[in-house]
């Protein structure tokens, strides 16, 4: 289940990490490991689905469309 949706605020193509802003206004960082297999590139302003492990400011999983788990 996807916890929330957000918008990509930054993305480093070299490290494949960055941060996003959720619809609730929270800033969340993400590492390359959190990107779903289908993601090759993210652009600033792109909408994404975000899953976190509890109340945290770090994403555990990011997808550009909701995939069944």
C-alpha atoms as a PDB file:
ATOM      1  CA  UNK A   1       0.000   0.000   0.000  1.00  0.00           C
ATOM      2  CA  UNK A   2       1.324   3.415  -0.901  1.00  0.00           C
ATOM      3  CA  UNK A   3       1.361   5.802   2.053  1.00  0.00           C
ATOM      4  CA  UNK A   4       1.176   9.066   0.128  1.00  0.00           C
ATOM      5  CA  UNK A   5       1.870  10.945  -3.074  1.00  0.00           C
ATOM      6  CA  UNK A   6       4.380  13.674  -3.698  1.00  0.00           C
ATOM      7  CA  UNK A   7       6.364  15.726  -6.191  1.00  0.00           C
ATOM      8  CA  UNK A   8      10.061  15.312  -6.969  1.00  0.00           C
ATOM      9  CA  UNK A   9      11.968  18.384  -5.719  1.00  0.00           C
ATOM     10  CA  UNK A  10      15.501  17.214  -6.571  1.00  0.00           C
ATOM     11  CA  UNK A  11      17.137  14.216  -8.244  1.00  0.00           C
ATOM     12  CA  UNK A  12      20.857  13.486  -8.671  1.00  0.00           C
ATOM     13  CA  UNK A  13      21.335  11.330 -11.779  1.00  0.00           C
ATOM     14  CA  UNK A  14      24.757  10.148 -10.582  1.00  0.00           C
ATOM     15  CA  UNK A  15      23.690   8.854  -7.158  1.00  0.00           C
ATOM     16  CA  UNK A  16      20.005   8.341  -8.139  1.00  0.00           C
ATOM     17  CA  UNK A  17      18.987   9.975  -4.850  1.00  0.00           C
ATOM     18  CA  UNK A  18      17.095  13.136  -4.016  1.00  0.00           C
ATOM     19  CA  UNK A  19      14.141  14.488  -2.132  1.00  0.00           C
ATOM     20  CA  UNK A  20      10.473  15.123  -2.694  1.00  0.00           C
ATOM     21  CA  UNK A  21       7.639  17.085  -1.160  1.00  0.00           C
ATOM     22  CA  UNK A  22       4.526  15.182  -0.163  1.00  0.00           C
ATOM     23  CA  UNK A  23       1.023  16.505  -0.718  1.00  0.00           C
ATOM     24  CA  UNK A  24       0.952  17.092   3.055  1.00  0.00           C
ATOM     25  CA  UNK A  25       3.980  19.427   2.757  1.00  0.00           C
ATOM     26  CA  UNK A  26       6.559  17.074   4.293  1.00  0.00           C
ATOM     27  CA  UNK A  27      10.066  16.878   2.795  1.00  0.00           C
ATOM     28  CA  UNK A  28      11.214  13.277   2.278  1.00  0.00           C
ATOM     29  CA  UNK A  29      14.657  12.123   1.161  1.00  0.00           C
ATOM     30  CA  UNK A  30      15.201   9.005  -0.908  1.00  0.00           C
ATOM     31  CA  UNK A  31      18.164   6.834  -1.850  1.00  0.00           C
ATOM     32  CA  UNK A  32      18.660   4.881  -5.070  1.00  0.00           C
ATOM     33  CA  UNK A  33      17.602   1.690  -3.276  1.00  0.00           C
ATOM     34  CA  UNK A  34      14.100   3.082  -2.720  1.00  0.00           C
ATOM     35  CA  UNK A  35      13.382   3.541  -6.441  1.00  0.00           C
ATOM     36  CA  UNK A  36      11.168   0.906  -8.049  1.00  0.00           C
ATOM     37  CA  UNK A  37      12.779  -1.218 -10.773  1.00  0.00           C
ATOM     38  CA  UNK A  38      10.806   0.533 -13.529  1.00  0.00           C
ATOM     39  CA  UNK A  39      12.276   3.970 -12.684  1.00  0.00           C
ATOM     40  CA  UNK A  40      15.239   4.960 -14.856  1.00  0.00           C
ATOM     41  CA  UNK A  41      15.039   8.729 -14.379  1.00  0.00           C
ATOM     42  CA  UNK A  42      13.032  11.265 -12.383  1.00  0.00           C
ATOM     43  CA  UNK A  43      12.459  14.881 -13.319  1.00  0.00           C
ATOM     44  CA  UNK A  44      11.773  17.850 -11.075  1.00  0.00           C
ATOM     45  CA  UNK A  45       8.009  18.255 -10.658  1.00  0.00           C
ATOM     46  CA  UNK A  46       7.215  14.627 -11.497  1.00  0.00           C
ATOM     47  CA  UNK A  47       4.439  13.037  -9.415  1.00  0.00           C
ATOM     48  CA  UNK A  48       5.324   9.859  -7.515  1.00  0.00           C
ATOM     49  CA  UNK A  49       3.827   7.404  -5.050  1.00  0.00           C
ATOM     50  CA  UNK A  50       5.754   7.075  -1.785  1.00  0.00           C
ATOM     51  CA  UNK A  51       5.923   4.384   0.873  1.00  0.00           C
ATOM     52  CA  UNK A  52       7.665   4.962   4.207  1.00  0.00           C
ATOM     53  CA  UNK A  53       8.489   2.739   7.161  1.00  0.00           C
ATOM     54  CA  UNK A  54       6.539   4.451   9.902  1.00  0.00           C
ATOM     55  CA  UNK A  55       6.813   8.133  10.822  1.00  0.00           C
ATOM     56  CA  UNK A  56      10.045   9.010   9.054  1.00  0.00           C
ATOM     57  CA  UNK A  57      11.438  11.558   6.636  1.00  0.00           C
ATOM     58  CA  UNK A  58      13.021   8.848   4.456  1.00  0.00           C
ATOM     59  CA  UNK A  59      11.221   6.943   1.697  1.00  0.00           C
ATOM     60  CA  UNK A  60      11.416   3.156   1.681  1.00  0.00           C
ATOM     61  CA  UNK A  61       9.891   2.821  -1.796  1.00  0.00           C
ATOM     62  CA  UNK A  62       9.046   5.175  -4.675  1.00  0.00           C
ATOM     63  CA  UNK A  63       7.024   4.375  -7.788  1.00  0.00           C
ATOM     64  CA  UNK A  64       5.750   6.477 -10.674  1.00  0.00           C
ATOM     65  CA  UNK A  65       2.539   4.490 -10.701  1.00  0.00           C
ATOM     66  CA  UNK A  66       0.900   2.383  -7.988  1.00  0.00           C
ATOM     67  CA  UNK A  67       1.976  -1.217  -8.429  1.00  0.00           C
ATOM     68  CA  UNK A  68       0.377  -4.081  -6.534  1.00  0.00           C
ATOM     69  CA  UNK A  69       2.555  -5.480  -3.757  1.00  0.00           C
END
